C-alpha cells in the first residue's frame, strides 16, 4: 500500500509541474503510467527510449504497432490515456513518454541472494538490491530477527561466515519501495548424547534439514576409539553423493544415493564403543560443517535397538516374538499359522455351502417328481351329454328332394 501511495504522489506532482517523473517498481510487478492532458479525440503515441511502442489513431480506432509492441505483445497494454507494463524486468528500465509531453523515468528494482536462499552455516552470501539504471541510489537494509537497521547502505551486502543469527527475512528499501528476501541458514543436525544398552544396535544421526544452494562434495565420520567408522567417506561423482567404502562387521553405512542424510549404524555395541563421534560434511565452496555426538553404553538386555534423532533417542526392544525358530523369527511362524487357519476356514465354508446347495437342488427335484402329469383326456372336462344336445341343435336339416317338395303348390295357369 505504501508503494502505491508513493507512486501516486509522484504522478500527482508531475501532473502539475510537468517534469519527468521518476518511478521505482520491483521486478515481476506491473506498472501503469498516464498520458496527461490528452483528450478523448487526440491521437496518442507511446515511446520507450524514443522508440515507438504504439500509436493510437482515435478517428479510425487503429493501432500502429512498433517493433517493441510486436516483440512484447503480452507486455504492453496501451490506450489513449494509460500504458500498462506487465511483469517488469530490469531491461524495462528507462524513459517512457507519450506524444503529449508526459515522461517517466522507470527504475526496476530486483532483490536476490547469491548463490541461493538456502545456505549452510559458515558459508558466504551476497545480498543484492539492484536499482537498474541508478547504481548510485542508496539502499536501506533491515536485518532479522526484528527488522533492525543494518549499517550498510549499498546495493550489495557481503555476508561472511553465516550463522543462525543471519537466518530470516532481510528487507531492502529504496525510495519508499520495500522488497523482502528470505535467507535460510542451516546446520548439521545430530544428537549430542545417545545412550544404548550393551549388545544392542544404534543409529548415529547426521543430516541437513533441507537441500542447500551449496552442493555437498565430501564428508566422513571419525572416532578415535573406533577406527572402523572412518572406513568410508562421502564423495560426489556426477552430482551423485554416495559413501565410498565398504561396510564392516560393526559399522553399516547408508547404501544408495544420498541427499541430506548421512547416518551410520553400529552393530552389537560394546562398552569399548562408548565415546565421541564426529560427522563432517564438505561443500563445493570449500567450507565444512561438523557435528558431534557422545555415545554411552549401559548394561541392559542384549538385542535392544536405539534409533537416535534430533528430538531424542528411541529404543526398540526386541520382544519374544523375534526369537529365531528353525532359522526363522517366531513372528513369521505365527503369521504363517494364522494365515493357514484363515485359509482352512474359508475352504471349509465353501465346501459346506456347496453341499447345502446340492441338498436343496435334490429336494426340489424330488418335489417336482411327486406331481401327476396331465393326460390327454384330462385336457377337456366338459359334460358330454350337454355337448351332444348342443350339437343336435346346431345340425342343419337335410334338404328335401325336388320331387318331394310341396305338392299342394298351385299349378300355373294355362
Protein backbone atom coordinates (compact mmCIF):
# COMPACT_ATOMS: atom_id res chain seq x y z
CA UNK A 1 0.00 0.00 0.00
CA UNK A 2 2.87 2.42 0.84
CA UNK A 3 4.42 1.74 -2.58
CA UNK A 4 1.14 2.59 -4.30
CA UNK A 5 0.88 5.87 -2.34
CA UNK A 6 4.43 6.86 -3.28
CA UNK A 7 3.83 6.20 -6.96
CA UNK A 8 0.55 8.09 -6.82
CA UNK A 9 2.33 11.04 -5.16
CA UNK A 10 4.92 11.12 -7.93
CA UNK A 11 2.20 11.12 -10.57
CA UNK A 12 0.28 13.96 -8.92
CA UNK A 13 3.40 16.14 -8.55
CA UNK A 14 4.42 15.72 -12.14
CA UNK A 15 0.93 16.32 -13.47
CA UNK A 16 1.09 19.81 -12.01
CA UNK A 17 4.75 20.62 -12.58
CA UNK A 18 5.24 18.88 -15.95
CA UNK A 19 8.61 17.37 -15.05
CA UNK A 20 9.92 13.89 -15.82
CA UNK A 21 8.61 11.60 -13.09
CA UNK A 22 10.99 9.05 -11.55
CA UNK A 23 9.30 5.79 -10.66
CA UNK A 24 10.63 2.72 -8.82
CA UNK A 25 8.95 -0.66 -9.06
CA UNK A 26 10.07 -4.18 -8.15
CA UNK A 27 10.80 -6.78 -10.78
CA UNK A 28 7.87 -9.04 -11.67
CA UNK A 29 5.23 -6.43 -10.77
CA UNK A 30 3.07 -4.31 -13.12
CA UNK A 31 3.33 -0.56 -13.68
CA UNK A 32 0.78 1.87 -15.16
CA UNK A 33 1.83 5.31 -16.44
CA UNK A 34 -0.50 8.11 -17.59
CA UNK A 35 -0.56 10.47 -20.55
CA UNK A 36 -1.54 13.83 -19.03
CA UNK A 37 -3.54 16.49 -20.79
CA UNK A 38 -4.82 14.26 -23.59
CA UNK A 39 -8.48 14.45 -24.66
CA UNK A 40 -10.67 11.63 -25.90
CA UNK A 41 -10.28 12.91 -29.50
CA UNK A 42 -6.48 13.16 -29.56
CA UNK A 43 -4.19 10.61 -31.15
CA UNK A 44 -1.54 9.25 -28.77
CA UNK A 45 1.90 7.78 -29.41
CA UNK A 46 3.75 5.85 -26.69
CA UNK A 47 7.55 5.53 -26.83
CA UNK A 48 10.27 3.74 -24.88
CA UNK A 49 13.74 5.30 -25.18
CA UNK A 50 12.48 7.30 -28.21
CA UNK A 51 11.39 4.08 -29.95
CA UNK A 52 7.73 3.72 -30.80
CA UNK A 53 5.74 1.20 -28.85
CA UNK A 54 2.38 2.01 -30.44
CA UNK A 55 0.46 4.91 -31.96
CA UNK A 56 -3.30 5.02 -31.40
CA UNK A 57 -5.38 6.80 -34.06
CA UNK A 58 -8.67 7.75 -32.46
CA UNK A 59 -10.57 8.61 -35.68
CA UNK A 60 -10.15 5.15 -37.14
CA UNK A 61 -9.63 3.19 -33.90
CA UNK A 62 -6.49 1.60 -35.36
CA UNK A 63 -3.10 0.99 -33.75
CA UNK A 64 0.23 1.44 -35.49
CA UNK A 65 2.42 -1.06 -33.66
CA UNK A 66 6.13 -0.53 -33.34
CA UNK A 67 8.80 -3.22 -33.11
CA UNK A 68 8.70 -3.18 -29.30
CA UNK A 69 4.94 -3.83 -29.25
CA UNK A 70 5.24 -6.68 -31.73
CA UNK A 71 8.02 -8.33 -29.72
CA UNK A 72 6.20 -7.95 -26.38
CA UNK A 73 2.54 -8.01 -27.34
CA UNK A 74 1.71 -9.56 -23.96
CA UNK A 75 3.72 -6.98 -22.03
CA UNK A 76 2.19 -3.67 -23.16
CA UNK A 77 -1.48 -2.74 -22.80
CA UNK A 78 -1.89 0.80 -24.18
CA UNK A 79 -4.85 3.13 -24.65
CA UNK A 80 -5.15 6.88 -25.21
CA UNK A 81 -4.66 7.75 -21.53
CA UNK A 82 -2.57 4.98 -19.95
CA UNK A 83 0.12 2.44 -20.70
CA UNK A 84 0.29 -0.67 -18.53
CA UNK A 85 3.55 -2.59 -18.48
CA UNK A 86 3.29 -6.12 -17.07
CA UNK A 87 5.87 -8.44 -15.49
CA UNK A 88 8.61 -5.84 -15.22
CA UNK A 89 12.17 -6.91 -15.92
CA UNK A 90 15.42 -4.97 -15.40
CA UNK A 91 15.55 -4.43 -19.18
CA UNK A 92 12.26 -2.48 -18.93
CA UNK A 93 14.05 0.31 -17.06
CA UNK A 94 14.36 3.60 -18.97
CA UNK A 95 12.42 6.63 -20.21
CA UNK A 96 8.78 6.29 -21.32
CA UNK A 97 6.87 9.12 -23.00
CA UNK A 98 3.62 9.94 -24.73
CA UNK A 99 3.10 12.40 -27.56
CA UNK A 100 1.51 15.00 -25.25
CA UNK A 101 4.64 15.61 -23.18
CA UNK A 102 4.35 13.23 -20.23
CA UNK A 103 7.65 11.47 -19.45
CA UNK A 104 8.58 8.86 -16.88
CA UNK A 105 11.99 7.54 -15.90
CA UNK A 106 11.36 3.99 -14.66
CA UNK A 107 13.80 2.01 -12.49
CA UNK A 108 13.15 -1.69 -11.94
CA UNK A 109 14.45 -2.95 -8.58
CA UNK A 110 15.37 -6.61 -8.16
CA UNK A 111 16.44 -8.29 -4.90
CA UNK A 112 18.10 -11.70 -4.62
CA UNK A 113 20.72 -13.76 -2.79
CA UNK A 114 23.86 -15.32 -4.25
CA UNK A 115 24.49 -18.23 -4.54
CA UNK A 116 20.97 -19.06 -3.24
CA UNK A 117 18.46 -18.51 -0.48
CA UNK A 118 19.29 -21.74 1.45
CA UNK A 119 22.89 -21.88 2.66
CA UNK A 120 24.83 -23.87 5.25
CA UNK A 121 26.44 -22.27 8.25
CA UNK A 122 29.94 -20.82 7.79
CA UNK A 123 29.38 -20.17 4.06
CA UNK A 124 29.42 -16.70 2.46
CA UNK A 125 26.49 -14.91 0.84
CA UNK A 126 25.77 -11.77 -1.20
CA UNK A 127 22.54 -9.81 -0.76
CA UNK A 128 21.63 -7.74 -3.83
CA UNK A 129 19.13 -4.91 -4.19
CA UNK A 130 19.84 -3.74 -7.73
CA UNK A 131 18.31 -0.49 -8.93
CA UNK A 132 18.53 -0.77 -12.70
CA UNK A 133 19.66 2.48 -14.28
CA UNK A 134 20.62 4.10 -10.96
CA UNK A 135 23.67 2.41 -9.45
CA UNK A 136 24.23 5.29 -7.03
CA UNK A 137 20.83 5.06 -5.35
CA UNK A 138 21.13 4.46 -1.61
CA UNK A 139 19.52 1.37 -0.14
CA UNK A 140 18.44 0.97 3.44
CA UNK A 141 18.78 -2.61 4.72
CA UNK A 142 16.92 -4.17 7.63
CA UNK A 143 18.04 -7.49 9.08
CA UNK A 144 16.41 -10.29 11.06
CA UNK A 145 15.14 -11.14 13.53
CA UNK A 146 13.39 -7.85 14.39
CA UNK A 147 13.92 -5.72 11.24
CA UNK A 148 16.90 -3.99 12.82
CA UNK A 149 18.64 -1.34 10.70
CA UNK A 150 21.78 -2.67 9.04
CA UNK A 151 24.73 -0.29 8.86
CA UNK A 152 25.40 -0.85 5.15
CA UNK A 153 23.61 1.45 2.67
CA UNK A 154 24.91 -0.12 -0.53
CA UNK A 155 23.02 -2.10 -3.17
CA UNK A 156 25.16 -5.16 -2.36
CA UNK A 157 25.83 -6.59 1.10
CA UNK A 158 28.58 -9.17 1.67
CA UNK A 159 27.87 -11.62 4.50
CA UNK A 160 30.85 -13.65 5.67
CA UNK A 161 30.70 -16.95 7.55
CA UNK A 162 26.93 -17.15 8.01
CA UNK A 163 25.48 -18.03 11.40
CA UNK A 164 21.98 -18.90 12.54
CA UNK A 165 21.65 -15.24 13.60
CA UNK A 166 21.60 -14.32 9.88
CA UNK A 167 18.64 -16.64 9.21
CA UNK A 168 15.34 -14.90 8.45
CA UNK A 169 13.85 -12.04 6.44
CA UNK A 170 16.04 -9.27 5.07
CA UNK A 171 14.46 -6.10 3.64
CA UNK A 172 15.88 -3.59 1.20
CA UNK A 173 14.22 -0.19 0.95
CA UNK A 174 14.83 2.28 -1.87
CA UNK A 175 12.82 5.49 -2.42
CA UNK A 176 9.90 4.16 -0.37
CA UNK A 177 9.85 0.80 -2.18
CA UNK A 178 10.41 -2.26 0.06
CA UNK A 179 11.42 -5.73 -1.10
CA UNK A 180 11.82 -8.72 1.21
CA UNK A 181 14.35 -11.53 0.87
CA UNK A 182 14.25 -14.70 2.96
CA UNK A 183 17.64 -16.18 3.79
CA UNK A 184 17.69 -19.69 5.30
CA UNK A 185 20.80 -20.78 7.18
CA UNK A 186 21.03 -24.46 8.10
CA UNK A 187 23.45 -26.56 10.12
CA UNK A 188 24.14 -30.25 10.64
CA UNK A 189 21.59 -31.94 12.85
CA UNK A 190 22.56 -34.64 15.32
CA UNK A 191 22.01 -35.71 18.93
CA UNK A 192 24.55 -34.52 21.48
CA UNK A 193 24.24 -37.59 23.69
CA UNK A 194 22.95 -41.10 22.96
CA UNK A 195 22.52 -43.94 25.42
CA UNK A 196 22.32 -47.54 24.25
CA UNK A 197 22.20 -50.90 26.12
CA UNK A 198 25.16 -53.20 25.72
CA UNK A 199 24.75 -55.63 22.84
CA UNK A 200 22.16 -53.51 21.07
CA UNK A 201 22.34 -51.68 17.73
CA UNK A 202 22.40 -47.89 17.44
CA UNK A 203 21.95 -45.40 14.59
CA UNK A 204 24.09 -42.26 14.86
CA UNK A 205 22.26 -39.35 13.14
CA UNK A 206 23.89 -36.73 10.93
CA UNK A 207 21.77 -34.79 8.44
CA UNK A 208 20.86 -31.44 6.93
CA UNK A 209 17.28 -30.19 7.39
CA UNK A 210 16.97 -29.50 3.66
CA UNK A 211 18.94 -29.31 0.42
CA UNK A 212 21.10 -26.20 0.25
CA UNK A 213 22.30 -23.99 -2.58
CA UNK A 214 25.79 -25.26 -1.86
CA UNK A 215 26.49 -28.75 -3.16
CA UNK A 216 27.87 -31.40 -0.80
CA UNK A 217 31.10 -32.80 -2.27
CA UNK A 218 32.52 -34.85 0.60
CA UNK A 219 32.38 -35.89 4.22
CA UNK A 220 33.15 -38.60 6.77
CA UNK A 221 32.67 -39.93 10.29
CA UNK A 222 35.52 -40.07 12.81
CA UNK A 223 36.05 -41.75 16.19
CA UNK A 224 39.50 -42.20 17.69
CA UNK A 225 38.42 -45.21 19.74
CA UNK A 226 36.61 -46.95 16.83
CA UNK A 227 38.58 -46.53 13.56
CA UNK A 228 36.01 -48.63 11.66
CA UNK A 229 33.64 -45.63 11.39
CA UNK A 230 36.23 -43.94 9.13
CA UNK A 231 36.32 -46.85 6.68
CA UNK A 232 34.02 -44.98 4.26
CA UNK A 233 33.92 -41.40 3.04
CA UNK A 234 31.38 -39.28 1.20
CA UNK A 235 32.15 -38.44 -2.40
CA UNK A 236 30.28 -36.74 -5.22
CA UNK A 237 30.53 -38.31 -8.66
CA UNK A 238 28.42 -36.88 -11.49
CA UNK A 239 26.37 -34.94 -8.93
CA UNK A 240 25.52 -38.17 -7.12
CA UNK A 241 26.52 -38.32 -3.45
CA UNK A 242 27.45 -41.77 -2.10
CA UNK A 243 29.52 -43.49 0.54
CA UNK A 244 32.85 -44.69 -0.85
CA UNK A 245 33.93 -47.79 1.05
CA UNK A 246 32.52 -50.99 2.45
CA UNK A 247 30.51 -51.88 5.48
CA UNK A 248 32.31 -53.72 8.26
CA UNK A 249 31.11 -56.29 10.74
CA UNK A 250 30.47 -53.48 13.21
CA UNK A 251 29.56 -50.42 11.11
CA UNK A 252 26.93 -50.13 8.34
CA UNK A 253 26.77 -47.09 6.04
CA UNK A 254 23.67 -45.96 4.21
CA UNK A 255 23.58 -47.56 0.75
CA UNK A 256 22.49 -45.93 -2.47
CA UNK A 257 22.24 -42.27 -3.43
CA UNK A 258 22.36 -39.80 -0.58
CA UNK A 259 20.69 -36.42 -0.30
CA UNK A 260 20.68 -34.87 3.16
CA UNK A 261 21.00 -37.91 5.47
CA UNK A 262 24.43 -39.27 6.40
CA UNK A 263 23.57 -41.62 9.31
CA UNK A 264 25.60 -44.71 10.19
CA UNK A 265 24.64 -47.81 12.21
CA UNK A 266 26.79 -49.61 14.79
CA UNK A 267 26.05 -53.30 15.39
CA UNK A 268 26.18 -55.02 18.81
CA UNK A 269 27.51 -52.08 20.77
CA UNK A 270 30.16 -52.91 23.39
CA UNK A 271 31.42 -50.80 26.34
CA UNK A 272 34.60 -50.07 24.35
CA UNK A 273 32.47 -48.29 21.71
CA UNK A 274 31.47 -45.52 24.13
CA UNK A 275 32.96 -42.15 23.26
CA UNK A 276 32.73 -39.16 20.92
CA UNK A 277 31.78 -39.50 17.25
CA UNK A 278 32.27 -36.60 14.80
CA UNK A 279 30.40 -36.13 11.49
CA UNK A 280 31.92 -33.78 8.87
CA UNK A 281 30.31 -32.55 5.63
CA UNK A 282 32.19 -30.53 3.00
CA UNK A 283 30.58 -28.18 0.44
CA UNK A 284 31.61 -27.01 -3.02
CA UNK A 285 32.92 -23.65 -1.69
CA UNK A 286 35.46 -25.47 0.50
CA UNK A 287 33.59 -24.76 3.73
CA UNK A 288 32.89 -27.60 6.17
CA UNK A 289 30.31 -28.33 8.83
CA UNK A 290 30.90 -30.64 11.77
CA UNK A 291 28.61 -32.13 14.39
CA UNK A 292 29.49 -34.47 17.24
CA UNK A 293 27.60 -36.91 19.42
CA UNK A 294 28.63 -38.78 22.55
CA UNK A 295 27.71 -42.46 22.85
CA UNK A 296 27.18 -44.01 26.27
CA UNK A 297 26.84 -47.78 26.71
CA UNK A 298 24.85 -49.00 29.71
CA UNK A 299 24.17 -52.53 30.99
CA UNK A 300 20.95 -53.86 29.54
CA UNK A 301 19.18 -56.66 27.76
CA UNK A 302 21.05 -57.77 24.68
CA UNK A 303 19.15 -57.14 21.48
CA UNK A 304 17.83 -53.63 22.15
CA UNK A 305 17.99 -51.22 19.21
CA UNK A 306 18.33 -47.45 19.56
CA UNK A 307 17.43 -45.09 16.71
CA UNK A 308 18.66 -41.65 17.69
CA UNK A 309 17.12 -38.47 16.29
CA UNK A 310 17.50 -34.75 16.90
CA UNK A 311 14.46 -34.94 19.18
CA UNK A 312 15.86 -37.77 21.27
CA UNK A 313 16.68 -41.46 21.05
CA UNK A 314 14.01 -44.08 20.57
CA UNK A 315 14.71 -47.54 21.96
CA UNK A 316 13.41 -50.52 20.04
CA UNK A 317 13.29 -53.55 22.37
CA UNK A 318 13.12 -56.96 20.77
CA UNK A 319 10.16 -58.93 22.11
CA UNK A 320 9.85 -62.71 22.46
CA UNK A 321 8.22 -62.91 19.02
CA UNK A 322 11.59 -62.04 17.43
CA UNK A 323 13.15 -65.26 18.69
CA UNK A 324 14.54 -67.48 15.94
CA UNK A 325 12.85 -70.87 15.43
CA UNK A 326 14.50 -73.14 12.86
CA UNK A 327 16.24 -70.11 11.36
CA UNK A 328 13.05 -68.04 11.04
CA UNK A 329 11.77 -65.45 13.51
CA UNK A 330 8.86 -66.53 15.66
CA UNK A 331 6.52 -63.79 14.45
CA UNK A 332 6.84 -65.11 10.88
CA UNK A 333 5.77 -68.59 12.06
CA UNK A 334 2.81 -67.02 13.88
CA UNK A 335 1.80 -65.06 10.79
CA UNK A 336 2.01 -68.15 8.58
CA UNK A 337 -0.03 -70.18 11.07
CA UNK A 338 -2.71 -67.52 11.37
CA UNK A 339 -2.93 -67.23 7.59
CA UNK A 340 -3.25 -71.03 7.29
CA UNK A 341 -6.10 -71.12 9.82
CA UNK A 342 -7.95 -68.42 7.93
CA UNK A 343 -7.41 -70.21 4.61
CA UNK A 344 -8.67 -73.54 6.03
CA UNK A 345 -11.74 -71.80 7.45
CA UNK A 346 -12.53 -70.30 4.06
CA UNK A 347 -12.17 -73.69 2.33
CA UNK A 348 -14.46 -75.39 4.89
CA UNK A 349 -17.07 -72.67 4.45
CA UNK A 350 -17.01 -73.09 0.67
CA UNK A 351 -17.43 -76.88 0.96
CA UNK A 352 -20.37 -76.52 3.37
CA UNK A 353 -22.10 -74.04 1.09
CA UNK A 354 -21.69 -76.31 -1.93
CA UNK A 355 -23.10 -79.33 -0.04
CA UNK A 356 -26.08 -77.29 1.11
CA UNK A 357 -26.76 -76.18 -2.45
CA UNK A 358 -26.69 -79.79 -3.65
CA UNK A 359 -29.20 -80.85 -0.99
CA UNK A 360 -31.52 -78.01 -1.94
CA UNK A 361 -31.40 -78.98 -5.64
CA UNK A 362 -32.09 -82.65 -4.80
CA UNK A 363 -35.10 -81.72 -2.69
CA UNK A 364 -36.55 -79.52 -5.44
CA UNK A 365 -36.25 -82.36 -7.96
CA UNK A 366 -37.99 -84.73 -5.55
CA UNK A 367 -40.90 -82.35 -5.06
CA UNK A 368 -41.32 -81.96 -8.81
CA UNK A 369 -41.37 -85.72 -9.34
CA UNK A 370 -44.32 -86.14 -6.90
CA UNK A 371 -46.67 -84.15 -9.14
CA UNK A 372 -49.02 -86.28 -11.50
CA UNK A 373 -48.63 -85.31 -15.13
CA UNK A 374 -51.78 -84.38 -17.04
CA UNK A 375 -53.11 -86.96 -19.61
CA UNK A 376 -54.78 -86.21 -22.90
CA UNK A 377 -58.26 -86.97 -21.61
CA UNK A 378 -57.83 -84.54 -18.77
CA UNK A 379 -57.48 -81.57 -21.02
CA UNK A 380 -61.29 -81.36 -21.63
CA UNK A 381 -63.55 -81.88 -18.60
CA UNK A 382 -66.84 -80.60 -20.10
CA UNK A 383 -70.21 -82.62 -19.87
CA UNK A 384 -70.50 -84.81 -22.97
CA UNK A 385 -74.37 -85.07 -22.77
CA UNK A 386 -74.75 -81.29 -22.83
CA UNK A 387 -72.30 -81.10 -25.60
CA UNK A 388 -74.33 -83.66 -27.61
CA UNK A 389 -77.53 -81.73 -27.20
CA UNK A 390 -75.85 -78.60 -28.31
CA UNK A 391 -74.54 -80.37 -31.40
CA UNK A 392 -78.02 -81.69 -32.21
CA UNK A 393 -79.43 -78.22 -32.06
CA UNK A 394 -76.83 -76.93 -34.39
CA UNK A 395 -77.32 -79.70 -37.10
CA UNK A 396 -78.82 -78.32 -40.31
CA UNK A 397 -81.93 -80.12 -41.63
CA UNK A 398 -81.42 -82.42 -44.55
CA UNK A 399 -82.58 -80.76 -47.80
CA UNK A 400 -85.82 -82.15 -49.29
CA UNK A 401 -85.61 -83.54 -52.81
CA UNK A 402 -87.22 -81.50 -55.55
CA UNK A 403 -89.91 -84.02 -56.35
CA UNK A 404 -90.98 -84.21 -52.69
CA UNK A 405 -91.44 -80.51 -52.22
CA UNK A 406 -94.91 -79.02 -51.53
CA UNK A 407 -97.35 -80.90 -53.80
CA UNK A 408 -100.16 -78.52 -52.90
CA UNK A 409 -98.46 -75.74 -54.84
CA UNK A 410 -100.89 -74.28 -57.35
CA UNK A 411 -100.14 -75.22 -60.88
CA UNK A 412 -99.56 -72.32 -63.23
CA UNK A 413 -102.42 -71.14 -65.35
CA UNK A 414 -102.53 -72.04 -68.89
